[in-house]
Amino acid sequence: MIYGIVWYVQDFLWVLGAGKILIPEIFLILLVVLSMWKQEKGEERYWAAFIGGVLWDLRWLGFPGPTALIYVLTIMAVRWIWLMVPVSGRTVLLFGAILWCALLPVSLLRILLWGLRGGTVFMTYLLQQSYNLPIVLFACALYAWKLKNSNA
């Protein structure tokens, strides 16, 4: 249920932006954060990423595939990296770095599919990353709170 609500909120914000601004990847951030917090529901995250990506592609691109592929590969890579790190090494800094790196490929894909070329790609990419920054910092604060309360 939470996946559908967050996907719909991101879609609604995208409609409000009307092609003038790029919206943060709220749906992908949710998937990445949940896949690092609750490792036991891995298959559920893969299916949510796949279905959310296909719906996004059908809604905005007209053909399914690119976003769904990037979402699923991102979740797979994040889970692999996160599970390879020992529990004692799962710090807030590592959490934030993995979350930030997970957003980079899909943001670049969106910009390229938007049709931007040349110098505007870099500026648009930096602008979208600045939109993602508050959400990543908020997720890091939540993770720090979770670590503090679980180790108390």
C-alpha atoms as a PDB file:
ATOM      1  CA  MET A   1       0.000   0.000   0.000  1.00  0.00           C
ATOM      2  CA  ILE A   2       2.774   2.433   0.905  1.00  0.00           C
ATOM      3  CA  TYR A   3       4.434   1.816  -2.466  1.00  0.00           C
ATOM      4  CA  GLY A   4       1.314   2.836  -4.363  1.00  0.00           C
ATOM      5  CA  ILE A   5       0.785   5.960  -2.296  1.00  0.00           C
ATOM      6  CA  VAL A   6       4.374   7.146  -2.678  1.00  0.00           C
ATOM      7  CA  TRP A   7       4.365   6.342  -6.410  1.00  0.00           C
ATOM      8  CA  TYR A   8       1.153   8.332  -6.816  1.00  0.00           C
ATOM      9  CA  VAL A   9       2.549  11.294  -4.832  1.00  0.00           C
ATOM     10  CA  GLN A  10       5.643  11.350  -7.043  1.00  0.00           C
ATOM     11  CA  ASP A  11       3.458  11.155 -10.155  1.00  0.00           C
ATOM     12  CA  PHE A  12       1.236  13.969  -8.864  1.00  0.00           C
ATOM     13  CA  LEU A  13       4.270  16.162  -8.179  1.00  0.00           C
ATOM     14  CA  TRP A  14       5.592  15.373 -11.647  1.00  0.00           C
ATOM     15  CA  VAL A  15       2.280  16.553 -13.143  1.00  0.00           C
ATOM     16  CA  LEU A  16       2.416  19.726 -11.046  1.00  0.00           C
ATOM     17  CA  GLY A  17       5.957  20.363 -12.269  1.00  0.00           C
ATOM     18  CA  ALA A  18       4.600  20.170 -15.840  1.00  0.00           C
ATOM     19  CA  GLY A  19       8.013  19.529 -17.353  1.00  0.00           C
ATOM     20  CA  LYS A  20       9.560  22.656 -15.875  1.00  0.00           C
ATOM     21  CA  ILE A  21      11.353  21.020 -12.930  1.00  0.00           C
ATOM     22  CA  LEU A  22      12.524  17.522 -12.136  1.00  0.00           C
ATOM     23  CA  ILE A  23      10.893  16.004  -9.091  1.00  0.00           C
ATOM     24  CA  PRO A  24      12.929  14.079  -6.488  1.00  0.00           C
ATOM     25  CA  GLU A  25      12.891  10.307  -6.785  1.00  0.00           C
ATOM     26  CA  ILE A  26      10.621   9.768  -3.797  1.00  0.00           C
ATOM     27  CA  PHE A  27       9.543   6.275  -4.869  1.00  0.00           C
ATOM     28  CA  LEU A  28      13.093   5.038  -5.404  1.00  0.00           C
ATOM     29  CA  ILE A  29      14.243   6.602  -2.129  1.00  0.00           C
ATOM     30  CA  LEU A  30      11.482   4.726  -0.302  1.00  0.00           C
ATOM     31  CA  LEU A  31      12.461   1.441  -1.946  1.00  0.00           C
ATOM     32  CA  VAL A  32      16.152   1.896  -1.191  1.00  0.00           C
ATOM     33  CA  VAL A  33      15.566   2.932   2.425  1.00  0.00           C
ATOM     34  CA  LEU A  34      13.185   0.053   3.095  1.00  0.00           C
ATOM     35  CA  SER A  35      15.504  -2.461   1.434  1.00  0.00           C
ATOM     36  CA  MET A  36      18.316  -1.370   3.765  1.00  0.00           C
ATOM     37  CA  TRP A  37      16.146  -1.276   6.893  1.00  0.00           C
ATOM     38  CA  LYS A  38      14.235  -4.516   6.480  1.00  0.00           C
ATOM     39  CA  GLN A  39      16.347  -7.002   4.563  1.00  0.00           C
ATOM     40  CA  GLU A  40      13.916  -9.894   4.948  1.00  0.00           C
ATOM     41  CA  LYS A  41      11.419  -8.532   2.390  1.00  0.00           C
ATOM     42  CA  GLY A  42      13.778  -8.441  -0.591  1.00  0.00           C
ATOM     43  CA  GLU A  43      11.494 -10.031  -3.166  1.00  0.00           C
ATOM     44  CA  GLU A  44       8.707  -7.616  -2.274  1.00  0.00           C
ATOM     45  CA  ARG A  45      11.037  -4.670  -2.987  1.00  0.00           C
ATOM     46  CA  TYR A  46      12.061  -6.129  -6.350  1.00  0.00           C
ATOM     47  CA  TRP A  47       8.455  -6.546  -7.429  1.00  0.00           C
ATOM     48  CA  ALA A  48       7.513  -3.089  -6.189  1.00  0.00           C
ATOM     49  CA  ALA A  49      10.467  -1.590  -8.081  1.00  0.00           C
ATOM     50  CA  PHE A  50       9.572  -3.482 -11.243  1.00  0.00           C
ATOM     51  CA  ILE A  51       5.856  -2.653 -11.170  1.00  0.00           C
ATOM     52  CA  GLY A  52       6.486   0.969 -10.185  1.00  0.00           C
ATOM     53  CA  GLY A  53       9.060   1.347 -12.957  1.00  0.00           C
ATOM     54  CA  VAL A  54       6.790  -0.205 -15.581  1.00  0.00           C
ATOM     55  CA  LEU A  55       3.902   2.033 -14.528  1.00  0.00           C
ATOM     56  CA  TRP A  56       6.170   5.070 -14.638  1.00  0.00           C
ATOM     57  CA  ASP A  57       7.436   4.128 -18.074  1.00  0.00           C
ATOM     58  CA  LEU A  58       3.935   3.546 -19.418  1.00  0.00           C
ATOM     59  CA  ARG A  59       2.738   6.812 -17.919  1.00  0.00           C
ATOM     60  CA  TRP A  60       5.558   9.061 -19.085  1.00  0.00           C
ATOM     61  CA  LEU A  61       7.556   7.308 -21.812  1.00  0.00           C
ATOM     62  CA  GLY A  62       4.951   5.194 -23.566  1.00  0.00           C
ATOM     63  CA  PHE A  63       7.114   2.066 -23.602  1.00  0.00           C
ATOM     64  CA  PRO A  64       7.997  -0.078 -20.595  1.00  0.00           C
ATOM     65  CA  GLY A  65      11.516  -0.912 -19.650  1.00  0.00           C
ATOM     66  CA  PRO A  66      14.146   1.733 -18.888  1.00  0.00           C
ATOM     67  CA  THR A  67      12.949   2.971 -15.506  1.00  0.00           C
ATOM     68  CA  ALA A  68      11.850  -0.498 -14.395  1.00  0.00           C
ATOM     69  CA  LEU A  69      15.291  -1.882 -15.269  1.00  0.00           C
ATOM     70  CA  ILE A  70      17.133   0.906 -13.455  1.00  0.00           C
ATOM     71  CA  TYR A  71      14.899   0.587 -10.382  1.00  0.00           C
ATOM     72  CA  VAL A  72      15.370  -3.183 -10.084  1.00  0.00           C
ATOM     73  CA  LEU A  73      19.115  -3.060 -10.743  1.00  0.00           C
ATOM     74  CA  THR A  74      19.470  -0.262  -8.202  1.00  0.00           C
ATOM     75  CA  ILE A  75      17.624  -2.216  -5.508  1.00  0.00           C
ATOM     76  CA  MET A  76      19.684  -5.324  -6.291  1.00  0.00           C
ATOM     77  CA  ALA A  77      22.971  -3.396  -6.074  1.00  0.00           C
ATOM     78  CA  VAL A  78      21.972  -1.611  -2.876  1.00  0.00           C
ATOM     79  CA  ARG A  79      20.911  -4.838  -1.173  1.00  0.00           C
ATOM     80  CA  TRP A  80      24.099  -6.598  -2.280  1.00  0.00           C
ATOM     81  CA  ILE A  81      26.355  -3.801  -1.004  1.00  0.00           C
ATOM     82  CA  TRP A  82      24.408  -3.317   2.233  1.00  0.00           C
ATOM     83  CA  LEU A  83      24.355  -7.003   3.082  1.00  0.00           C
ATOM     84  CA  MET A  84      28.085  -7.340   2.364  1.00  0.00           C
ATOM     85  CA  VAL A  85      28.888  -4.750   5.037  1.00  0.00           C
ATOM     86  CA  PRO A  86      29.061  -6.101   8.600  1.00  0.00           C
ATOM     87  CA  VAL A  87      26.381  -4.791  10.948  1.00  0.00           C
ATOM     88  CA  SER A  88      28.975  -2.849  12.924  1.00  0.00           C
ATOM     89  CA  GLY A  89      30.021  -0.995   9.761  1.00  0.00           C
ATOM     90  CA  ARG A  90      26.537   0.160   8.768  1.00  0.00           C
ATOM     91  CA  THR A  91      26.957   3.783   9.744  1.00  0.00           C
ATOM     92  CA  VAL A  92      24.831   6.794   8.910  1.00  0.00           C
ATOM     93  CA  LEU A  93      27.524   8.041   6.525  1.00  0.00           C
ATOM     94  CA  LEU A  94      27.530   4.740   4.619  1.00  0.00           C
ATOM     95  CA  PHE A  95      23.721   4.720   4.579  1.00  0.00           C
ATOM     96  CA  GLY A  96      23.660   8.225   3.102  1.00  0.00           C
ATOM     97  CA  ALA A  97      26.374   7.469   0.553  1.00  0.00           C
ATOM     98  CA  ILE A  98      24.606   4.347  -0.695  1.00  0.00           C
ATOM     99  CA  LEU A  99      21.290   6.169  -0.850  1.00  0.00           C
ATOM    100  CA  TRP A 100      22.831   9.087  -2.739  1.00  0.00           C
ATOM    101  CA  CYS A 101      24.628   6.805  -5.203  1.00  0.00           C
ATOM    102  CA  ALA A 102      21.399   4.870  -5.798  1.00  0.00           C
ATOM    103  CA  LEU A 103      19.744   8.043  -7.072  1.00  0.00           C
ATOM    104  CA  LEU A 104      22.446   8.983  -9.568  1.00  0.00           C
ATOM    105  CA  PRO A 105      21.716   6.515 -12.419  1.00  0.00           C
ATOM    106  CA  VAL A 106      17.959   7.022 -12.538  1.00  0.00           C
ATOM    107  CA  SER A 107      18.355  10.797 -12.400  1.00  0.00           C
ATOM    108  CA  LEU A 108      20.736  10.737 -15.341  1.00  0.00           C
ATOM    109  CA  LEU A 109      18.415   8.408 -17.269  1.00  0.00           C
ATOM    110  CA  ARG A 110      15.475  10.761 -16.723  1.00  0.00           C
ATOM    111  CA  ILE A 111      17.455  13.754 -17.944  1.00  0.00           C
ATOM    112  CA  LEU A 112      18.623  11.933 -21.061  1.00  0.00           C
ATOM    113  CA  LEU A 113      15.108  10.678 -21.805  1.00  0.00           C
ATOM    114  CA  TRP A 114      13.867  14.229 -21.313  1.00  0.00           C
ATOM    115  CA  GLY A 115      15.850  15.157 -24.417  1.00  0.00           C
ATOM    116  CA  LEU A 116      18.380  17.554 -22.902  1.00  0.00           C
ATOM    117  CA  ARG A 117      21.759  17.756 -24.546  1.00  0.00           C
ATOM    118  CA  GLY A 118      25.001  19.669 -24.120  1.00  0.00           C
ATOM    119  CA  GLY A 119      25.715  21.910 -21.159  1.00  0.00           C
ATOM    120  CA  THR A 120      22.137  21.898 -19.923  1.00  0.00           C
ATOM    121  CA  VAL A 121      22.447  18.239 -18.900  1.00  0.00           C
ATOM    122  CA  PHE A 122      25.008  19.016 -16.205  1.00  0.00           C
ATOM    123  CA  MET A 123      23.066  21.971 -14.796  1.00  0.00           C
ATOM    124  CA  THR A 124      19.785  20.043 -14.789  1.00  0.00           C
ATOM    125  CA  TYR A 125      21.506  17.063 -13.158  1.00  0.00           C
ATOM    126  CA  LEU A 126      22.914  19.240 -10.369  1.00  0.00           C
ATOM    127  CA  LEU A 127      19.534  20.885  -9.901  1.00  0.00           C
ATOM    128  CA  GLN A 128      17.768  17.551  -9.524  1.00  0.00           C
ATOM    129  CA  GLN A 129      20.404  16.329  -7.092  1.00  0.00           C
ATOM    130  CA  SER A 130      19.807  19.464  -5.026  1.00  0.00           C
ATOM    131  CA  TYR A 131      16.113  18.492  -4.898  1.00  0.00           C
ATOM    132  CA  ASN A 132      17.077  14.997  -3.717  1.00  0.00           C
ATOM    133  CA  LEU A 133      19.442  16.281  -1.020  1.00  0.00           C
ATOM    134  CA  PRO A 134      16.844  17.235   1.642  1.00  0.00           C
ATOM    135  CA  ILE A 135      15.128  13.866   1.301  1.00  0.00           C
ATOM    136  CA  VAL A 136      18.439  11.999   1.586  1.00  0.00           C
ATOM    137  CA  LEU A 137      19.389  14.032   4.671  1.00  0.00           C
ATOM    138  CA  PHE A 138      15.980  13.345   6.225  1.00  0.00           C
ATOM    139  CA  ALA A 139      16.404   9.604   5.551  1.00  0.00           C
ATOM    140  CA  CYS A 140      19.868   9.744   7.163  1.00  0.00           C
ATOM    141  CA  ALA A 141      18.385  11.468  10.221  1.00  0.00           C
ATOM    142  CA  LEU A 142      15.748   8.742  10.472  1.00  0.00           C
ATOM    143  CA  TYR A 143      18.424   6.064  10.177  1.00  0.00           C
ATOM    144  CA  ALA A 144      20.505   7.762  12.894  1.00  0.00           C
ATOM    145  CA  TRP A 145      17.427   7.852  15.121  1.00  0.00           C
ATOM    146  CA  LYS A 146      16.795   4.156  14.391  1.00  0.00           C
ATOM    147  CA  LEU A 147      20.402   3.277  15.283  1.00  0.00           C
ATOM    148  CA  LYS A 148      20.247   5.301  18.489  1.00  0.00           C
ATOM    149  CA  ASN A 149      17.022   3.664  19.622  1.00  0.00           C
ATOM    150  CA  SER A 150      18.012   0.125  18.664  1.00  0.00           C
ATOM    151  CA  ASN A 151      21.366   0.306  20.483  1.00  0.00           C
ATOM    152  CA  ALA A 152      20.011   1.883  23.643  1.00  0.00           C
END
